Protein backbone atom coordinates (compact mmCIF):
# COMPACT_ATOMS: atom_id res chain seq x y z
CA UNK A 1 0.00 0.00 0.00
CA UNK A 2 1.33 3.40 -1.00
CA UNK A 3 1.12 6.31 1.40
CA UNK A 4 -0.18 6.38 4.93
CA UNK A 5 -3.05 4.06 5.85
CA UNK A 6 -6.40 5.66 6.62
CA UNK A 7 -9.45 4.68 8.63
CA UNK A 8 -11.11 3.72 5.31
CA UNK A 9 -8.31 1.20 4.68
CA UNK A 10 -8.87 -0.29 8.14
CA UNK A 11 -12.62 -0.47 7.50
CA UNK A 12 -12.06 -2.36 4.25
CA UNK A 13 -9.66 -4.85 5.84
CA UNK A 14 -11.83 -5.39 8.94
CA UNK A 15 -15.07 -5.62 6.98
CA UNK A 16 -16.82 -2.80 8.84
CA UNK A 17 -17.89 0.76 8.11
CA UNK A 18 -15.52 3.72 8.49
CA UNK A 19 -17.79 5.18 11.18
CA UNK A 20 -17.45 1.94 13.19
CA UNK A 21 -13.65 2.24 12.91
CA UNK A 22 -13.85 5.81 14.22
CA UNK A 23 -16.01 4.75 17.16
CA UNK A 24 -13.71 1.84 18.01
CA UNK A 25 -10.54 3.95 17.89
CA UNK A 26 -12.01 6.53 20.25
CA UNK A 27 -13.17 3.84 22.68
CA UNK A 28 -16.91 4.08 22.14
CA UNK A 29 -18.88 1.53 24.22
CA UNK A 30 -21.22 1.05 21.25
CA UNK A 31 -18.59 -1.14 19.58
CA UNK A 32 -18.47 -4.75 20.77
CA UNK A 33 -15.22 -6.14 22.14
CA UNK A 34 -14.97 -8.65 19.27
CA UNK A 35 -15.34 -5.92 16.63
CA UNK A 36 -12.90 -3.68 18.52
CA UNK A 37 -10.27 -6.45 18.48
CA UNK A 38 -10.79 -7.05 14.74
CA UNK A 39 -10.39 -3.36 13.99
CA UNK A 40 -7.29 -3.09 16.18
CA UNK A 41 -5.79 -6.13 14.43
CA UNK A 42 -6.41 -4.49 11.04
CA UNK A 43 -4.89 -1.23 12.28
CA UNK A 44 -1.80 -3.10 13.50
CA UNK A 45 -1.47 -4.92 10.18
CA UNK A 46 -1.56 -1.60 8.31
CA UNK A 47 0.79 0.01 10.86
CA UNK A 48 -1.88 2.66 11.45
CA UNK A 49 -1.14 5.18 14.19
CA UNK A 50 -3.80 7.54 15.52
CA UNK A 51 -2.72 11.17 15.28
CA UNK A 52 -4.16 12.07 18.65
CA UNK A 53 -3.59 15.81 18.30
CA UNK A 54 -5.20 16.00 14.86
CA UNK A 55 -8.11 13.85 15.99
CA UNK A 56 -8.70 15.99 19.04
CA UNK A 57 -8.53 19.16 16.98
CA UNK A 58 -11.12 17.88 14.51
CA UNK A 59 -13.47 16.92 17.30
CA UNK A 60 -12.50 19.89 19.51
CA UNK A 61 -11.55 17.41 22.22
CA UNK A 62 -8.60 17.55 24.60
CA UNK A 63 -8.25 13.80 25.02
CA UNK A 64 -8.33 14.39 28.79
CA UNK A 65 -10.81 13.56 31.52
CA UNK A 66 -10.79 15.50 34.79
CA UNK A 67 -11.25 13.69 38.09
CA UNK A 68 -12.28 16.12 40.83
CA UNK A 69 -12.03 14.93 44.43
CA UNK A 70 -13.74 16.47 47.42
CA UNK A 71 -11.28 17.25 50.22
CA UNK A 72 -12.16 15.11 53.25
CA UNK A 73 -10.84 15.61 56.78
CA UNK A 74 -8.39 12.73 57.22
CA UNK A 75 -5.89 11.60 59.85
CA UNK A 76 -3.06 11.96 57.29
CA UNK A 77 -2.12 14.67 54.79
CA UNK A 78 -3.92 13.11 51.81
CA UNK A 79 -7.34 14.72 52.50
CA UNK A 80 -8.82 11.90 50.42
CA UNK A 81 -11.31 9.38 51.75
CA UNK A 82 -9.53 5.99 51.55
CA UNK A 83 -12.60 4.57 49.82
CA UNK A 84 -11.96 6.92 46.88
CA UNK A 85 -8.25 6.09 46.87
CA UNK A 86 -9.18 2.49 46.08
CA UNK A 87 -11.28 3.73 43.12
CA UNK A 88 -8.49 5.83 41.58
CA UNK A 89 -6.68 2.87 40.07
CA UNK A 90 -9.70 1.54 38.19
CA UNK A 91 -10.60 5.02 36.88
CA UNK A 92 -7.02 5.55 35.65
CA UNK A 93 -6.93 2.16 33.90
CA UNK A 94 -10.36 2.61 32.31
CA UNK A 95 -9.38 6.08 31.04
CA UNK A 96 -6.14 4.79 29.52
CA UNK A 97 -7.93 1.88 27.84
CA UNK A 98 -10.16 4.39 26.06
CA UNK A 99 -7.28 6.61 25.02
CA UNK A 100 -7.76 9.38 27.57
CA UNK A 101 -5.31 11.07 29.89
CA UNK A 102 -6.55 11.71 33.41
CA UNK A 103 -6.21 15.04 35.21
CA UNK A 104 -6.71 14.76 38.99
CA UNK A 105 -7.54 17.75 41.14
CA UNK A 106 -9.40 18.75 44.29
CA UNK A 107 -12.81 20.39 44.10
CA UNK A 108 -12.37 23.89 45.48
CA UNK A 109 -15.65 24.87 47.12
CA UNK A 110 -14.38 28.32 48.02
CA UNK A 111 -14.79 29.38 44.38
CA UNK A 112 -16.74 28.46 41.27
CA UNK A 113 -14.74 25.29 40.59
CA UNK A 114 -17.09 24.09 37.85
CA UNK A 115 -16.27 27.15 35.72
CA UNK A 116 -12.61 26.07 35.48
CA UNK A 117 -13.53 23.12 33.31
CA UNK A 118 -16.16 24.67 31.03
CA UNK A 119 -15.01 26.78 28.14
CA UNK A 120 -11.38 26.42 29.26
CA UNK A 121 -10.74 23.25 27.19
CA UNK A 122 -8.97 21.66 30.17
CA UNK A 123 -10.95 18.44 29.85
CA UNK A 124 -13.67 16.82 27.77
CA UNK A 125 -15.66 15.80 30.83
CA UNK A 126 -15.64 15.56 34.61
CA UNK A 127 -15.75 12.70 37.12
CA UNK A 128 -16.82 13.94 40.56
CA UNK A 129 -15.97 11.95 43.71
CA UNK A 130 -17.36 13.14 47.04
CA UNK A 131 -19.23 16.32 47.82
CA UNK A 132 -19.89 16.80 51.55
CA UNK A 133 -23.37 18.20 52.18
CA UNK A 134 -25.39 17.29 49.08
CA UNK A 135 -27.98 20.02 49.61
CA UNK A 136 -25.31 22.73 49.26
CA UNK A 137 -23.61 20.88 46.40
CA UNK A 138 -26.69 20.33 44.26
CA UNK A 139 -26.86 23.87 42.85
CA UNK A 140 -23.38 23.45 41.35
CA UNK A 141 -24.47 20.22 39.67
CA UNK A 142 -27.51 22.03 38.24
CA UNK A 143 -25.18 24.73 36.82
CA UNK A 144 -23.08 22.05 35.15
CA UNK A 145 -26.22 20.63 33.52
CA UNK A 146 -27.36 24.10 32.40
CA UNK A 147 -23.95 24.81 30.84
CA UNK A 148 -23.97 21.52 28.94
CA UNK A 149 -20.93 20.20 30.82
CA UNK A 150 -20.41 16.48 30.43
CA UNK A 151 -19.99 14.90 33.86
CA UNK A 152 -20.67 11.84 35.97
CA UNK A 153 -20.58 11.58 39.75
CA UNK A 154 -20.23 8.83 42.31
CA UNK A 155 -23.09 9.03 44.79
CA UNK A 156 -26.56 7.92 45.70
CA UNK A 157 -28.78 7.19 42.68
CA UNK A 158 -32.12 8.86 43.38
CA UNK A 159 -34.96 10.26 41.23
CA UNK A 160 -34.66 13.87 40.07
CA UNK A 161 -30.93 14.27 40.54
CA UNK A 162 -29.00 16.55 38.15
CA UNK A 163 -26.83 14.74 35.62
CA UNK A 164 -25.63 11.14 35.61
CA UNK A 165 -24.93 9.36 38.92
CA UNK A 166 -23.23 6.02 39.48
CA UNK A 167 -23.55 4.53 42.95
CA UNK A 168 -24.00 1.50 45.15
CA UNK A 169 -27.38 0.14 46.25
CA UNK A 170 -27.04 1.78 49.66
CA UNK A 171 -30.53 0.79 50.81
CA UNK A 172 -29.88 -2.88 50.09
CA UNK A 173 -26.45 -2.67 51.72
CA UNK A 174 -27.84 -1.15 54.92
CA UNK A 175 -30.51 -3.80 54.99
CA UNK A 176 -28.00 -6.64 54.48
CA UNK A 177 -25.73 -5.46 57.30
CA UNK A 178 -28.63 -5.06 59.73
CA UNK A 179 -30.20 -8.41 58.83
CA UNK A 180 -26.85 -10.05 59.51
CA UNK A 181 -26.60 -8.42 62.95
CA UNK A 182 -30.16 -9.56 63.74
CA UNK A 183 -29.25 -13.10 62.69
CA UNK A 184 -26.40 -12.94 65.20
CA UNK A 185 -28.98 -12.42 67.93
CA UNK A 186 -28.64 -8.63 68.22
CA UNK A 187 -31.81 -6.74 69.08
CA UNK A 188 -30.62 -3.24 70.08
CA UNK A 189 -28.66 -2.13 67.01
CA UNK A 190 -27.28 1.42 66.92
CA UNK A 191 -26.75 3.37 63.70
CA UNK A 192 -23.86 5.86 63.50
CA UNK A 193 -24.08 8.30 60.61
CA UNK A 194 -26.13 11.23 59.34
CA UNK A 195 -29.67 10.02 58.66
CA UNK A 196 -30.94 13.00 56.62
CA UNK A 197 -31.09 13.85 52.89
CA UNK A 198 -28.06 16.12 53.38
CA UNK A 199 -25.99 12.92 53.05
CA UNK A 200 -28.03 10.73 50.66
CA UNK A 201 -25.80 7.64 50.81
CA UNK A 202 -25.94 7.53 54.60
CA UNK A 203 -29.66 8.28 54.51
CA UNK A 204 -30.28 5.32 52.20
CA UNK A 205 -28.18 3.06 54.43
CA UNK A 206 -30.22 4.23 57.41
CA UNK A 207 -33.45 3.50 55.54
CA UNK A 208 -32.20 -0.03 54.80
CA UNK A 209 -31.26 -0.43 58.48
CA UNK A 210 -34.72 0.72 59.61
CA UNK A 211 -36.46 -1.56 57.09
CA UNK A 212 -34.56 -4.62 58.36
CA UNK A 213 -35.49 -3.81 61.96
CA UNK A 214 -39.17 -3.44 61.12
CA UNK A 215 -39.17 -6.66 59.09
CA UNK A 216 -37.82 -8.46 62.17
CA UNK A 217 -40.50 -6.92 64.38
CA UNK A 218 -38.00 -4.63 66.12
CA UNK A 219 -38.56 -0.97 66.96
CA UNK A 220 -36.52 1.82 65.35
CA UNK A 221 -35.29 3.76 68.40
CA UNK A 222 -34.09 7.33 67.80
CA UNK A 223 -31.90 7.08 70.89
CA UNK A 224 -29.78 4.53 69.02
CA UNK A 225 -28.91 6.89 66.14
CA UNK A 226 -26.04 9.39 66.35
CA UNK A 227 -24.84 11.68 63.55
CA UNK A 228 -21.33 11.21 62.18
CA UNK A 229 -19.48 12.20 59.02
CA UNK A 230 -17.16 9.67 57.46
CA UNK A 231 -14.09 9.97 59.72
CA UNK A 232 -12.68 7.88 62.55
CA UNK A 233 -12.92 10.86 64.91
CA UNK A 234 -16.61 11.30 64.11
CA UNK A 235 -17.26 7.59 64.70
CA UNK A 236 -15.44 7.75 68.04
CA UNK A 237 -17.45 10.78 69.15
CA UNK A 238 -20.76 9.28 68.00
CA UNK A 239 -20.11 6.10 69.98
CA UNK A 240 -19.14 8.20 73.00
CA UNK A 241 -22.43 10.07 72.67
CA UNK A 242 -24.40 6.80 72.72
CA UNK A 243 -22.57 5.69 75.84
CA UNK A 244 -23.09 9.05 77.55
CA UNK A 245 -26.83 8.80 76.83
CA UNK A 246 -26.85 5.53 78.73
CA UNK A 247 -28.32 3.84 75.66
CA UNK A 248 -28.45 0.06 75.81
CA UNK A 249 -27.22 -1.59 72.61
CA UNK A 250 -25.69 -4.90 71.60
CA UNK A 251 -24.56 -3.95 68.08
CA UNK A 252 -23.32 -0.92 66.12
CA UNK A 253 -23.74 -0.37 62.38
CA UNK A 254 -21.42 2.38 61.17
CA UNK A 255 -22.51 4.13 57.97
CA UNK A 256 -18.88 3.86 56.80
CA UNK A 257 -15.89 1.75 57.76
CA UNK A 258 -14.09 4.79 59.17
CA UNK A 259 -17.05 5.51 61.46
CA UNK A 260 -17.11 1.87 62.59
CA UNK A 261 -13.35 1.86 63.25
CA UNK A 262 -13.67 5.03 65.34
CA UNK A 263 -16.53 3.42 67.29
CA UNK A 264 -14.37 0.35 67.91
CA UNK A 265 -11.81 2.49 69.72
CA UNK A 266 -14.46 4.19 71.86
CA UNK A 267 -15.99 0.84 72.85
CA UNK A 268 -12.58 -0.62 73.69
CA UNK A 269 -11.72 2.35 75.90
CA UNK A 270 -14.94 1.74 77.84
CA UNK A 271 -13.97 -1.89 78.40
CA UNK A 272 -16.51 -3.31 75.93
CA UNK A 273 -15.30 -6.17 73.78
CA UNK A 274 -16.12 -6.58 70.07
CA UNK A 275 -17.88 -8.83 69.21
CA UNK A 276 -18.38 -10.30 72.71
CA UNK A 277 -20.27 -7.34 74.19
CA UNK A 278 -21.09 -5.42 71.02
CA UNK A 279 -21.19 -6.71 67.44
CA UNK A 280 -19.87 -4.24 64.87
CA UNK A 281 -20.36 -3.67 61.12
CA UNK A 282 -19.33 -0.95 58.68
CA UNK A 283 -19.81 -0.01 55.03
CA UNK A 284 -17.32 0.37 52.11
CA UNK A 285 -14.77 -2.44 52.65
CA UNK A 286 -11.73 -0.16 52.61
CA UNK A 287 -8.39 -2.06 52.82
CA UNK A 288 -8.03 -1.25 56.54
CA UNK A 289 -11.25 -3.15 57.31
CA UNK A 290 -9.62 -6.57 56.94
CA UNK A 291 -6.50 -5.66 58.96
CA UNK A 292 -7.90 -4.16 62.17
CA UNK A 293 -8.46 -6.40 65.18
CA UNK A 294 -11.05 -7.80 65.11
CA UNK A 295 -11.41 -7.68 61.33
CA UNK A 296 -14.45 -5.65 60.32
CA UNK A 297 -17.67 -7.02 58.89
CA UNK A 298 -18.70 -4.56 56.20
CA UNK A 299 -20.70 -3.96 53.04
CA UNK A 300 -18.45 -4.05 49.99
CA UNK A 301 -18.79 -1.53 47.18
CA UNK A 302 -17.08 -2.79 44.00
CA UNK A 303 -14.59 0.04 43.35
CA UNK A 304 -13.13 -1.73 40.32
CA UNK A 305 -16.47 -1.93 38.56
CA UNK A 306 -17.37 1.57 39.75
CA UNK A 307 -14.34 3.11 38.01
CA UNK A 308 -15.12 1.29 34.76
CA UNK A 309 -18.76 2.40 34.73
CA UNK A 310 -17.94 6.02 35.61
CA UNK A 311 -15.51 6.28 32.69
CA UNK A 312 -17.80 4.37 30.32
CA UNK A 313 -20.78 6.66 30.97
CA UNK A 314 -18.65 9.80 30.65
CA UNK A 315 -17.14 8.62 27.35
CA UNK A 316 -20.66 7.93 26.08
CA UNK A 317 -21.60 11.55 26.79
CA UNK A 318 -18.46 12.87 25.10
CA UNK A 319 -19.27 10.77 22.03
CA UNK A 320 -22.79 12.14 21.87
CA UNK A 321 -24.30 8.86 22.95
CA UNK A 322 -26.89 8.26 25.65
CA UNK A 323 -25.59 7.95 29.20
CA UNK A 324 -27.56 6.60 32.14
CA UNK A 325 -27.33 6.57 35.90
CA UNK A 326 -26.57 3.12 37.29
CA UNK A 327 -26.77 1.41 40.67
CA UNK A 328 -24.21 -1.29 41.47
CA UNK A 329 -25.01 -4.17 43.85
CA UNK A 330 -23.79 -4.25 47.45
CA UNK A 331 -22.16 -7.36 48.94
CA UNK A 332 -21.90 -8.27 52.63
CA UNK A 333 -18.40 -9.30 53.78
CA UNK A 334 -18.67 -11.11 57.11
CA UNK A 335 -15.61 -10.96 59.38
CA UNK A 336 -14.92 -11.42 63.09
CA UNK A 337 -16.29 -8.10 64.39
CA UNK A 338 -19.92 -9.23 64.07
CA UNK A 339 -19.70 -12.93 64.84
CA UNK A 340 -21.16 -13.37 68.32
CA UNK A 341 -19.62 -16.25 70.31
CA UNK A 342 -21.75 -19.35 70.62
CA UNK A 343 -23.24 -19.85 74.10
CA UNK A 344 -21.22 -22.31 76.15
CA UNK A 345 -23.08 -25.65 76.55
CA UNK A 346 -24.35 -26.16 80.11
CA UNK A 347 -22.47 -29.44 80.64
CA UNK A 348 -19.16 -27.84 79.59
CA UNK A 349 -19.76 -24.88 81.90
CA UNK A 350 -20.50 -27.32 84.73
CA UNK A 351 -17.25 -29.23 84.14
CA UNK A 352 -15.26 -25.98 83.96
CA UNK A 353 -16.68 -24.84 87.32
CA UNK A 354 -15.88 -28.10 89.13
C-alpha cells in the first residue's frame, strides 16, 4: 500500500464501516469487544497510528478527563477518603484503555470550581468523587447541567438528581448489614451516621437499616442513632455520645468503615469487647477493614467496577451517545467483628466450674 493508511483502509480490511472504525478507535462503548479487536488487528497490520492531536482538533476534544475529588478531613495529609483512593486505580486504567489522559484535582468549594472546566478546554468531561453536604452541592451540579458540561458523579442514585450518577445500592447494603446483625442475635442495634437527605448515601443506608429492623419486628429507636461524618474521629465521638446517653445496645452499624473503626476504639476504651459485648459492622470495605483487630464485617462496594462504569458513561456523553445513571449491587463481607460467640453448653460450663 502506498502512502499512509487511513481509517477507510482499516474499515475495508476489517469488513466494517468507516464510522465503526472511528467509534472503536475513540473507545466508544457502542462497539463490541470482538469488533474492537478485529479493527485493532487491522490497524496493527496496516501500521496505522492515531494522530491524537489531529483527531482531538477535529473533534474539539482535549483527550483528557478531569477527576475532581472532594477534600475530606483525614488523619493523614492526603485529604482523600480511603474509599476513593481504592477507586483511583480503576478510573485511571479505564481512562487509559479508552485513550484518555486523566487530570486529577481537588474540588475547590471556596470558588466556582465548575467554571474552570467549562469553556477552558482543560478536559472533555468531569468525574466527581465526594461532595460533603449534598444540599449545598446540588446547585453546582444544576449549573453544570445548564452549561452543557459532560460529567458523571459517584453518589446515591435517586430520582430527580441533576446529571448522571453512578452509585451503590445503599438501601440494600444497609438492609444486608442489619439483617446479619439480627441473625447474630442482636436486638438493640445502633446506627452511627447522618440520617438525613443532606448525606443521601448515609440516609439510604439508614433507611435499609430501619427496614430490616421493622421486618424483624423490632422498633426503630431514635436514641440509638447518632450523627457522624465519614471519619474515625466522628465515629469515636458518635459512639461516646451513645454511651453518655446511657443507651443500651448490643450492636453498632457504622454508615462507613471509618465511622465503625472510630466506634471500635471508643468501645474498647470503655472496656466493651467486640464482638463479645457489642457486634460491629461498617460499610465500604476499605483495605483497613480486613487488617484491624477484630477484622471488620462490612458492606463491599465494588470500586473496580465503579471506576469502569464512571468512565464508560462519561465517554458515552463525550461521544454524543446516551448515558444513564446506574446502581451497582452491594455485597456483605462477614468478618470477626460481628460474629457473636456461641453460648457455652451447660455441661461444659458445669465441668469448667468443678
